[in-house]
Amino acid sequence: MKFHRLILFVLTFVLVSTASLRANPPNIILILADDMGYGDLGYTGSEHLRTPHLDALAESGVFCEQGYVCSPVCSPSRAGLLTGRDPRRFGYQSNLNKSDSSYPTRPELLGLPPGELTLGNHLKNAGYATALIGKWHQGIGEGFHPNERGFDYFCGMLGGSHSYFPTRGRHSIERNGEPVTEFSNDYLTDFFTDESLSWMKKQTAAKKPWFVFLSYNAPHGPMHATEEDISLFENIKDEKRRIYAAMMWALDRGVGQIRDWLSDCGELENTLIVFFSDNGGPPNNASWNGVFSGGKGCLKEGGIRVPMIWSWPETLPEKTRYTSPASALDLLPTFLAAAGSEPLPVRERLSHEDKGNYTKYAKQYGDYEGIDLLPLLKGSAGPPHRTLYWRLQGQAVVLDGNEKLCRPSHRPAQLFNPVNDPGEFSDLASPGDERFLELFQKLSDWETSLPTDPLWGSSPYWQGPSAKYYDEMLPVAEPR
């Protein structure tokens, strides 16, 4: 009898806990940097940049050492994290980095396909107020606007790059489809912080759970910073690196302001904050990818591996490191688990003629490809064996456990162990090796199963003379 009472008590506790989670869902903040290098936090090794608030955020929760994004370039990376689906599955392989007239495809295809559901759609369905503030970069035509894609509120730019001083000339910053005419701050990074705080305060006053995607464009070019911020880094001799440090300082300042406000109003404990970059740092903004080779546009670790921070003081442990792979695809299932909700069903996405191929693919891979990270980050479950895939204009990669097979666009396939060899210096490939053949087959099976071709192409980042970008972007030995 006592045993039965114990079972009943446990079941009741689980049901009450679940009900409490649904009754008091957390606020959710996704903060995304743009083109930030892996090593550009004090927490990840920089000795010259100052990021005290991001370092404190990492200390307050779980730092994912093997955080991965869906693509090494901005636009498809964002498509993956927004939808929880591999962007190659719906033709979103390449970047949007040219004018519409420069693409050999229909302009109505240039963006996140309207049939795809976003984090905004899913969390709105779960009862959340939703906002996207900052960079969109998912298309500018009809059907692509954030207000049409699950976000109640949008303030920012639809494109991928913008001047950081919008009051000093023409700008394309809008608020829910209307041009912004007055700015709370002359510097765009600070303006996006102000806009986020203003919106969050209104939702908190309304006592409704909220989700904000704070999509900073910093430290993406152009290299603009205030003179006051630049003056803080006179010890950095390289001018571009000095400006980059000032841009990161402004971003970090915004994170600190948001956490301070959450603490002051009693919302910090029950707010889930996630921070990472949309891809690795490129060579043109003086970013530093730490111990990793490659960078933006490249499928080596420096292009797809990012510092990922998860903080939720009420639920997640502090000062913890998660050392197994975590993916941007995991945002969707993890956010919905935290909200006590289920994902909306996947919509029909392809033409009638393509349905057979899509059905085969969906049966094999499922509709959403991420996993709920909460049990793993809390330490209540062991990390699963994961297989992740990437492809970008001639390059393709499969990461299976600790081994990573890379097929560059210009040389034979390579095999690395990024856990033991994070700089990917030691090519372990042997064409007759059983493991090499197994991974090559996995990559081939994945590519042939993709249900659609890329909807457009774009200027590749890695193909300079003799593909030197891929071969020569090696880690800098000393901290920067």
Protein backbone atom coordinates (compact mmCIF):
# COMPACT_ATOMS: atom_id res chain seq x y z
CA MET A 1 0.00 0.00 0.00
CA LYS A 2 2.82 2.40 0.89
CA PHE A 3 4.41 1.68 -2.49
CA HIS A 4 1.17 2.56 -4.30
CA ARG A 5 0.89 5.78 -2.29
CA LEU A 6 4.47 6.66 -3.25
CA ILE A 7 3.69 6.10 -6.94
CA LEU A 8 0.55 8.23 -6.62
CA PHE A 9 2.56 10.99 -4.91
CA VAL A 10 5.18 10.99 -7.66
CA LEU A 11 2.58 11.09 -10.43
CA THR A 12 0.74 13.91 -8.67
CA PHE A 13 3.99 15.86 -8.28
CA VAL A 14 4.79 15.44 -11.98
CA LEU A 15 1.31 16.56 -13.02
CA VAL A 16 1.38 19.56 -10.69
CA SER A 17 4.87 20.52 -11.93
CA THR A 18 3.72 20.29 -15.54
CA ALA A 19 0.61 22.33 -14.79
CA SER A 20 2.73 24.95 -13.01
CA LEU A 21 5.02 25.18 -16.02
CA ARG A 22 2.05 25.79 -18.28
CA ALA A 23 0.48 28.24 -15.80
CA ASN A 24 3.66 30.29 -15.46
CA PRO A 25 5.57 29.92 -18.72
CA PRO A 26 8.89 31.76 -18.92
CA ASN A 27 9.54 34.85 -20.92
CA ILE A 28 11.97 34.01 -23.73
CA ILE A 29 14.71 36.20 -25.19
CA LEU A 30 16.80 35.08 -28.14
CA ILE A 31 19.80 37.39 -28.61
CA LEU A 32 21.72 36.90 -31.83
CA ALA A 33 25.05 38.47 -32.73
CA ASP A 34 26.00 38.81 -36.40
CA ASP A 35 29.38 37.63 -37.75
CA MET A 36 30.93 37.36 -34.27
CA GLY A 37 34.06 35.27 -33.86
CA TYR A 38 34.03 32.32 -31.46
CA GLY A 39 36.91 33.75 -29.46
CA ASP A 40 35.48 37.26 -29.11
CA LEU A 41 34.16 36.92 -25.57
CA GLY A 42 36.24 37.11 -22.45
CA TYR A 43 34.59 33.79 -21.60
CA THR A 44 35.96 32.17 -24.77
CA GLY A 45 39.50 33.52 -24.61
CA SER A 46 39.73 37.14 -25.74
CA GLU A 47 42.17 39.15 -23.64
CA HIS A 48 41.62 42.51 -25.34
CA LEU A 49 37.85 42.71 -25.87
CA ARG A 50 35.57 43.49 -22.93
CA THR A 51 32.33 41.54 -22.66
CA PRO A 52 31.55 41.52 -18.91
CA HIS A 53 27.78 41.14 -19.30
CA LEU A 54 27.96 38.27 -21.79
CA ASP A 55 30.57 36.61 -19.59
CA ALA A 56 28.20 37.00 -16.63
CA LEU A 57 25.37 35.54 -18.71
CA ALA A 58 27.52 32.49 -19.43
CA GLU A 59 28.34 32.15 -15.73
CA SER A 60 24.63 32.34 -14.86
CA GLY A 61 23.70 29.29 -16.93
CA VAL A 62 24.98 26.66 -19.33
CA PHE A 63 27.65 27.30 -21.95
CA CYS A 64 27.42 24.96 -24.93
CA GLU A 65 30.99 24.40 -26.12
CA GLN A 66 29.85 22.66 -29.31
CA GLY A 67 27.12 25.02 -30.41
CA TYR A 68 26.37 24.80 -34.14
CA VAL A 69 24.36 26.94 -36.54
CA CYS A 70 22.63 25.66 -39.67
CA SER A 71 24.83 27.51 -42.14
CA PRO A 72 28.08 29.52 -42.19
CA VAL A 73 26.30 32.48 -43.81
CA CYS A 74 23.68 34.80 -42.35
CA SER A 75 20.41 34.27 -44.17
CA PRO A 76 20.10 30.44 -44.28
CA SER A 77 21.45 30.25 -40.75
CA ARG A 78 18.58 32.45 -39.58
CA ALA A 79 16.08 30.45 -41.65
CA GLY A 80 17.11 27.32 -39.76
CA LEU A 81 16.91 28.76 -36.27
CA LEU A 82 13.57 30.44 -37.04
CA THR A 83 11.88 27.31 -38.39
CA GLY A 84 13.58 24.47 -36.50
CA ARG A 85 14.08 22.79 -39.87
CA ASP A 86 17.18 22.24 -41.96
CA PRO A 87 16.97 25.12 -44.46
CA ARG A 88 18.27 22.91 -47.28
CA ARG A 89 15.02 20.96 -47.01
CA PHE A 90 13.05 23.89 -48.38
CA GLY A 91 15.65 25.21 -50.81
CA TYR A 92 17.19 27.84 -48.53
CA GLN A 93 20.84 27.02 -49.09
CA SER A 94 22.49 30.26 -50.18
CA ASN A 95 22.77 33.73 -48.73
CA LEU A 96 20.71 36.76 -49.73
CA ASN A 97 23.53 39.19 -50.43
CA LYS A 98 22.64 40.78 -53.77
CA SER A 99 19.80 42.80 -55.26
CA ASP A 100 16.75 40.86 -56.48
CA SER A 101 17.57 41.62 -60.11
CA SER A 102 20.97 39.93 -59.76
CA TYR A 103 19.51 36.47 -59.06
CA PRO A 104 18.61 34.09 -61.90
CA THR A 105 15.34 33.15 -60.21
CA ARG A 106 11.89 34.61 -59.61
CA PRO A 107 11.94 37.42 -57.00
CA GLU A 108 8.98 35.88 -55.16
CA LEU A 109 11.27 32.99 -54.19
CA LEU A 110 13.88 35.20 -52.52
CA GLY A 111 13.12 34.71 -48.85
CA LEU A 112 11.78 32.32 -46.23
CA PRO A 113 9.08 30.34 -48.08
CA PRO A 114 5.66 31.54 -46.87
CA GLY A 115 4.63 28.00 -46.00
CA GLU A 116 7.35 27.70 -43.35
CA LEU A 117 6.35 28.40 -39.75
CA THR A 118 8.59 30.44 -37.47
CA LEU A 119 9.32 30.61 -33.75
CA GLY A 120 6.93 33.56 -33.79
CA ASN A 121 4.10 31.39 -35.17
CA HIS A 122 4.68 28.58 -32.68
CA LEU A 123 5.02 30.78 -29.60
CA LYS A 124 2.11 32.99 -30.61
CA ASN A 125 0.04 29.82 -30.78
CA ALA A 126 1.26 29.04 -27.24
CA GLY A 127 -0.15 32.34 -25.98
CA TYR A 128 2.96 34.53 -26.22
CA ALA A 129 3.26 38.10 -27.42
CA THR A 130 6.02 38.05 -30.05
CA ALA A 131 8.51 40.61 -31.33
CA LEU A 132 11.49 40.72 -33.65
CA ILE A 133 13.81 43.67 -33.22
CA GLY A 134 16.83 44.24 -35.44
CA LYS A 135 17.90 42.33 -38.53
CA TRP A 136 15.42 40.19 -40.48
CA HIS A 137 17.26 39.10 -43.68
CA GLN A 138 14.55 36.61 -44.69
CA GLY A 139 13.18 38.40 -47.74
CA ILE A 140 11.66 41.79 -48.45
CA GLY A 141 8.77 41.02 -50.80
CA GLU A 142 5.12 40.24 -50.18
CA GLY A 143 4.63 37.35 -47.78
CA PHE A 144 8.09 37.65 -46.23
CA HIS A 145 7.57 40.51 -43.76
CA PRO A 146 8.03 39.61 -40.05
CA ASN A 147 4.51 40.86 -39.26
CA GLU A 148 3.26 38.22 -41.73
CA ARG A 149 5.45 35.51 -40.19
CA GLY A 150 4.26 35.26 -36.61
CA PHE A 151 5.72 38.44 -35.08
CA ASP A 152 3.22 40.88 -33.58
CA TYR A 153 5.84 43.60 -33.50
CA PHE A 154 8.80 44.34 -35.74
CA CYS A 155 11.31 47.17 -35.57
CA GLY A 156 14.48 46.96 -37.63
CA MET A 157 15.65 46.43 -41.20
CA LEU A 158 14.51 43.83 -43.67
CA GLY A 159 17.92 43.49 -45.35
CA GLY A 160 21.21 42.09 -44.15
CA SER A 161 23.34 45.18 -43.56
CA HIS A 162 22.79 48.77 -42.46
CA SER A 163 24.67 51.88 -41.34
CA TYR A 164 24.99 52.09 -37.56
CA PHE A 165 24.23 55.84 -37.66
CA PRO A 166 20.72 55.98 -39.22
CA THR A 167 20.12 59.61 -38.24
CA ARG A 168 23.05 60.82 -40.34
CA GLY A 169 21.60 59.98 -43.75
CA ARG A 170 19.11 57.74 -45.50
CA HIS A 171 18.02 54.67 -43.59
CA SER A 172 15.69 51.70 -43.99
CA ILE A 173 14.72 51.18 -40.34
CA GLU A 174 10.99 50.56 -39.99
CA ARG A 175 8.48 49.82 -37.28
CA ASN A 176 5.65 47.50 -38.35
CA GLY A 177 5.95 48.55 -41.96
CA GLU A 178 6.28 52.30 -41.34
CA PRO A 179 9.57 54.23 -41.51
CA VAL A 180 11.02 55.20 -38.13
CA THR A 181 11.23 59.00 -37.96
CA GLU A 182 12.66 59.46 -34.46
CA PHE A 183 15.41 57.46 -32.78
CA SER A 184 15.96 57.09 -29.06
CA ASN A 185 19.67 56.70 -29.75
CA ASP A 186 21.90 57.73 -32.65
CA TYR A 187 23.79 54.40 -32.59
CA LEU A 188 21.81 51.49 -34.03
CA THR A 189 22.92 48.80 -31.54
CA ASP A 190 21.81 50.98 -28.62
CA PHE A 191 18.57 51.86 -30.43
CA PHE A 192 17.70 48.17 -30.82
CA THR A 193 18.36 47.67 -27.10
CA ASP A 194 16.09 50.61 -26.24
CA GLU A 195 13.38 49.31 -28.54
CA SER A 196 13.53 45.85 -26.97
CA LEU A 197 13.32 47.22 -23.43
CA SER A 198 10.36 49.42 -24.34
CA TRP A 199 8.44 46.51 -25.85
CA MET A 200 9.24 44.10 -23.00
CA LYS A 201 8.08 46.63 -20.40
CA LYS A 202 4.69 46.94 -22.12
CA GLN A 203 4.19 43.17 -22.26
CA THR A 204 5.22 42.71 -18.64
CA ALA A 205 2.74 45.38 -17.58
CA ALA A 206 0.06 43.46 -19.50
CA LYS A 207 1.04 40.30 -17.57
CA LYS A 208 1.35 38.21 -20.70
CA PRO A 209 4.27 35.87 -21.49
CA TRP A 210 6.44 37.26 -24.24
CA PHE A 211 9.10 36.23 -26.72
CA VAL A 212 11.53 38.69 -28.25
CA PHE A 213 14.08 37.87 -30.94
CA LEU A 214 16.71 40.59 -30.45
CA SER A 215 18.56 40.24 -33.71
CA TYR A 216 21.53 42.58 -33.49
CA ASN A 217 23.41 43.31 -36.69
CA ALA A 218 26.60 43.90 -34.68
CA PRO A 219 29.44 43.24 -35.27
CA HIS A 220 28.62 42.74 -38.99
CA GLY A 221 30.02 45.43 -41.31
CA PRO A 222 30.07 48.30 -41.99
CA MET A 223 32.63 48.88 -39.25
CA HIS A 224 30.94 51.70 -37.35
CA ALA A 225 31.27 52.55 -33.66
CA THR A 226 30.95 55.68 -31.54
CA GLU A 227 34.10 57.64 -30.78
CA GLU A 228 33.40 57.22 -27.07
CA ASP A 229 33.34 53.43 -27.36
CA ILE A 230 36.39 53.32 -29.63
CA SER A 231 38.39 55.36 -27.11
CA LEU A 232 38.03 52.54 -24.58
CA PHE A 233 40.25 50.29 -26.70
CA GLU A 234 43.28 52.45 -27.44
CA ASN A 235 45.48 49.50 -26.40
CA ILE A 236 44.43 47.61 -29.57
CA LYS A 237 46.82 48.67 -32.31
CA ASP A 238 44.89 47.35 -35.32
CA GLU A 239 42.29 49.99 -36.19
CA LYS A 240 39.68 47.58 -37.53
CA ARG A 241 40.06 45.31 -34.51
CA ARG A 242 39.71 48.39 -32.28
CA ILE A 243 36.41 49.35 -33.95
CA TYR A 244 35.25 45.74 -33.76
CA ALA A 245 35.96 45.73 -30.02
CA ALA A 246 33.87 48.89 -29.63
CA MET A 247 30.99 47.31 -31.58
CA MET A 248 31.09 44.26 -29.31
CA TRP A 249 31.20 46.56 -26.28
CA ALA A 250 27.93 48.20 -27.38
CA LEU A 251 26.29 44.81 -27.92
CA ASP A 252 27.48 43.63 -24.51
CA ARG A 253 26.20 46.84 -22.93
CA GLY A 254 22.75 46.08 -24.32
CA VAL A 255 22.77 42.60 -22.82
CA GLY A 256 23.67 44.10 -19.47
CA GLN A 257 20.85 46.66 -19.64
CA ILE A 258 18.31 43.95 -20.42
CA ARG A 259 19.44 41.68 -17.58
CA ASP A 260 19.49 44.61 -15.14
CA TRP A 261 15.92 45.51 -16.08
CA LEU A 262 14.78 41.90 -15.73
CA SER A 263 16.36 41.75 -12.30
CA ASP A 264 14.84 45.06 -11.17
CA CYS A 265 11.30 44.03 -12.15
CA GLY A 266 11.58 40.50 -10.75
CA GLU A 267 11.46 38.73 -14.12
CA LEU A 268 15.05 37.46 -14.37
CA GLU A 269 14.50 34.14 -12.59
CA ASN A 270 11.74 33.07 -14.96
CA THR A 271 13.23 34.36 -18.21
CA LEU A 272 14.98 32.00 -20.60
CA ILE A 273 17.79 33.85 -22.40
CA VAL A 274 19.73 32.30 -25.27
CA PHE A 275 22.71 33.96 -26.93
CA PHE A 276 24.87 32.97 -29.90
CA SER A 277 26.08 34.26 -33.28
CA ASP A 278 24.49 33.50 -36.64
CA ASN A 279 27.80 32.15 -38.00
CA GLY A 280 31.54 32.41 -37.41
CA GLY A 281 33.54 35.54 -37.91
CA PRO A 282 34.74 36.51 -41.41
CA PRO A 283 38.19 37.95 -42.15
CA ASN A 284 36.80 41.34 -43.23
CA ASN A 285 35.60 42.55 -39.80
CA ALA A 286 38.70 41.68 -37.69
CA SER A 287 36.84 39.01 -35.73
CA TRP A 288 38.68 36.09 -34.12
CA ASN A 289 37.49 32.48 -34.19
CA GLY A 290 39.83 31.32 -31.47
CA VAL A 291 41.26 27.83 -31.92
CA PHE A 292 39.11 27.07 -34.98
CA SER A 293 40.12 27.17 -38.64
CA GLY A 294 37.92 28.75 -41.29
CA GLY A 295 35.23 31.35 -40.84
CA LYS A 296 32.08 32.73 -42.38
CA GLY A 297 31.22 30.93 -45.62
CA CYS A 298 33.34 27.90 -44.76
CA LEU A 299 32.19 24.59 -43.27
CA LYS A 300 35.21 24.17 -41.04
CA GLU A 301 34.50 24.73 -37.34
CA GLY A 302 35.27 28.45 -37.56
CA GLY A 303 32.31 28.92 -39.90
CA ILE A 304 29.59 26.89 -38.17
CA ARG A 305 30.61 26.56 -34.51
CA VAL A 306 29.51 29.39 -32.25
CA PRO A 307 29.55 30.18 -28.51
CA MET A 308 26.04 29.33 -27.32
CA ILE A 309 24.72 30.38 -23.92
CA TRP A 310 21.51 29.21 -22.21
CA SER A 311 20.42 30.99 -19.03
CA TRP A 312 17.22 30.37 -17.05
CA PRO A 313 18.04 30.86 -13.36
CA GLU A 314 14.84 29.23 -12.12
CA THR A 315 15.45 26.03 -14.09
CA LEU A 316 18.99 25.63 -15.44
CA PRO A 317 22.15 25.22 -13.35
CA GLU A 318 24.72 27.99 -13.26
CA LYS A 319 28.43 27.80 -14.15
CA THR A 320 27.89 24.67 -16.25
CA ARG A 321 29.37 23.54 -19.54
CA TYR A 322 27.60 21.24 -21.98
CA THR A 323 30.24 19.58 -24.14
CA SER A 324 28.15 17.62 -26.67
CA PRO A 325 26.75 19.09 -29.90
CA ALA A 326 23.86 21.56 -29.59
CA SER A 327 22.21 22.99 -32.67
CA ALA A 328 20.29 26.14 -33.55
CA LEU A 329 17.62 23.66 -34.70
CA ASP A 330 17.09 22.88 -31.01
CA LEU A 331 15.61 26.29 -30.24
CA LEU A 332 12.12 25.37 -31.44
CA PRO A 333 11.58 22.16 -29.42
CA THR A 334 13.32 23.61 -26.35
CA PHE A 335 11.36 26.86 -26.33
CA LEU A 336 8.07 25.00 -26.77
CA ALA A 337 8.95 22.54 -24.01
CA ALA A 338 9.67 25.48 -21.72
CA ALA A 339 6.33 27.05 -22.72
CA GLY A 340 4.48 23.79 -22.13
CA SER A 341 3.30 23.71 -25.72
CA GLU A 342 3.53 21.53 -28.83
CA PRO A 343 4.75 22.59 -32.28
CA LEU A 344 2.21 23.41 -34.92
CA PRO A 345 1.93 20.74 -37.64
CA VAL A 346 4.13 21.20 -40.69
CA ARG A 347 2.25 22.70 -43.61
CA GLU A 348 2.23 21.35 -47.15
CA ARG A 349 5.24 22.94 -48.78
CA LEU A 350 5.84 21.47 -52.20
CA SER A 351 3.92 21.13 -55.41
CA HIS A 352 1.71 18.12 -56.08
CA GLU A 353 4.40 16.57 -58.29
CA ASP A 354 6.94 16.77 -55.46
CA LYS A 355 4.77 15.27 -52.73
CA GLY A 356 6.06 11.74 -53.22
CA ASN A 357 9.65 12.84 -52.70
CA TYR A 358 8.71 15.00 -49.72
CA THR A 359 6.74 12.19 -48.07
CA LYS A 360 9.74 9.88 -48.35
CA TYR A 361 12.00 12.51 -46.84
CA ALA A 362 9.62 13.47 -44.04
CA LYS A 363 9.21 9.82 -43.09
CA GLN A 364 12.96 9.43 -42.84
CA TYR A 365 13.86 12.63 -41.03
CA GLY A 366 10.68 13.95 -39.42
CA ASP A 367 9.23 17.42 -39.69
CA TYR A 368 11.36 19.21 -37.08
CA GLU A 369 14.94 18.12 -36.63
CA GLY A 370 16.03 19.60 -33.34
CA ILE A 371 15.79 18.13 -29.84
CA ASP A 372 14.59 19.47 -26.50
CA LEU A 373 17.81 20.49 -24.76
CA LEU A 374 16.32 21.14 -21.32
CA PRO A 375 16.93 17.64 -19.86
CA LEU A 376 20.48 17.70 -21.24
CA LEU A 377 21.29 21.19 -19.98
CA LYS A 378 19.85 20.33 -16.55
CA GLY A 379 21.93 17.15 -16.45
CA SER A 380 18.89 14.91 -15.98
CA ALA A 381 19.59 13.01 -19.20
CA GLY A 382 22.71 11.94 -21.03
CA PRO A 383 23.61 13.45 -24.40
CA PRO A 384 22.34 11.49 -27.42
CA HIS A 385 24.43 10.46 -30.40
CA ARG A 386 23.82 13.16 -33.00
CA THR A 387 24.36 13.43 -36.74
CA LEU A 388 24.31 16.93 -38.24
CA TYR A 389 24.64 17.97 -41.88
CA TRP A 390 25.60 21.10 -43.79
CA ARG A 391 25.86 22.09 -47.45
CA LEU A 392 26.79 25.36 -49.11
CA GLN A 393 27.55 25.80 -52.80
CA GLY A 394 29.88 22.90 -53.45
CA GLN A 395 30.86 22.21 -49.84
CA ALA A 396 29.16 19.55 -47.74
CA VAL A 397 29.80 18.19 -44.24
CA VAL A 398 28.49 15.49 -41.93
CA LEU A 399 29.27 15.49 -38.20
CA ASP A 400 28.57 12.07 -36.71
CA GLY A 401 29.51 11.78 -33.06
CA ASN A 402 33.08 13.02 -32.72
CA GLU A 403 33.98 12.63 -36.37
CA LYS A 404 33.41 15.09 -39.16
CA LEU A 405 33.71 14.36 -42.87
CA CYS A 406 34.26 17.47 -44.99
CA ARG A 407 33.85 17.53 -48.74
CA PRO A 408 35.34 20.84 -49.91
CA SER A 409 34.48 22.28 -53.29
CA HIS A 410 38.01 22.00 -54.62
CA ARG A 411 39.75 18.96 -53.09
CA PRO A 412 39.10 15.37 -51.98
CA ALA A 413 37.05 14.71 -48.86
CA GLN A 414 38.73 15.16 -45.48
CA LEU A 415 38.06 13.52 -42.11
CA PHE A 416 38.59 15.33 -38.82
CA ASN A 417 37.95 14.83 -35.12
CA PRO A 418 37.07 18.36 -33.95
CA VAL A 419 36.91 17.24 -30.31
CA ASN A 420 40.59 16.23 -30.25
CA ASP A 421 41.65 18.51 -33.11
CA PRO A 422 39.53 21.69 -32.97
CA GLY A 423 41.76 23.46 -35.49
CA GLU A 424 41.17 20.62 -38.00
CA PHE A 425 44.84 20.31 -38.85
CA SER A 426 45.05 16.50 -38.98
CA ASP A 427 43.25 14.96 -41.94
CA LEU A 428 42.39 11.39 -40.93
CA ALA A 429 40.90 10.48 -44.31
CA SER A 430 41.88 7.17 -45.83
CA PRO A 431 39.80 6.33 -48.93
CA GLY A 432 39.63 2.63 -48.08
CA ASP A 433 38.90 3.10 -44.38
CA GLU A 434 35.54 1.67 -43.28
CA ARG A 435 34.59 4.69 -41.14
CA PHE A 436 35.52 7.11 -43.93
CA LEU A 437 33.32 5.19 -46.37
CA GLU A 438 30.47 5.04 -43.84
CA LEU A 439 30.45 8.81 -43.35
CA PHE A 440 30.82 9.47 -47.06
CA GLN A 441 27.76 7.29 -47.63
CA LYS A 442 25.81 9.11 -44.90
CA LEU A 443 26.56 12.43 -46.54
CA SER A 444 25.63 11.11 -49.97
CA ASP A 445 22.34 9.65 -48.68
CA TRP A 446 21.43 12.95 -47.04
CA GLU A 447 22.17 15.01 -50.15
CA THR A 448 20.19 12.74 -52.45
CA SER A 449 17.25 12.80 -50.03
CA LEU A 450 16.89 16.59 -50.07
CA PRO A 451 13.48 17.24 -51.61
CA THR A 452 14.31 20.36 -53.61
CA ASP A 453 17.19 22.13 -55.31
CA PRO A 454 18.47 25.48 -54.00
CA LEU A 455 16.02 28.26 -54.86
CA TRP A 456 18.88 30.66 -55.68
CA GLY A 457 22.66 30.99 -55.61
CA SER A 458 24.80 33.76 -54.17
CA SER A 459 28.35 35.04 -54.11
CA PRO A 460 30.46 32.49 -52.21
CA TYR A 461 32.70 33.77 -49.43
CA TRP A 462 35.38 31.10 -49.59
CA GLN A 463 36.28 31.05 -53.30
CA GLY A 464 39.12 33.50 -53.79
CA PRO A 465 42.16 32.79 -55.95
CA SER A 466 43.03 29.12 -55.49
CA ALA A 467 40.35 28.90 -52.80
CA LYS A 468 42.81 30.46 -50.34
CA TYR A 469 40.00 31.42 -47.99
CA TYR A 470 39.28 27.79 -47.17
CA ASP A 471 42.90 26.67 -47.01
CA GLU A 472 44.60 29.57 -45.29
CA MET A 473 42.19 30.92 -42.65
CA LEU A 474 43.93 29.19 -39.76
CA PRO A 475 43.64 29.95 -36.04
CA VAL A 476 45.63 32.83 -34.58
CA ALA A 477 47.99 31.40 -32.00
CA GLU A 478 47.69 34.09 -29.34
CA PRO A 479 44.52 35.52 -27.76
CA ARG A 480 43.24 38.72 -29.34
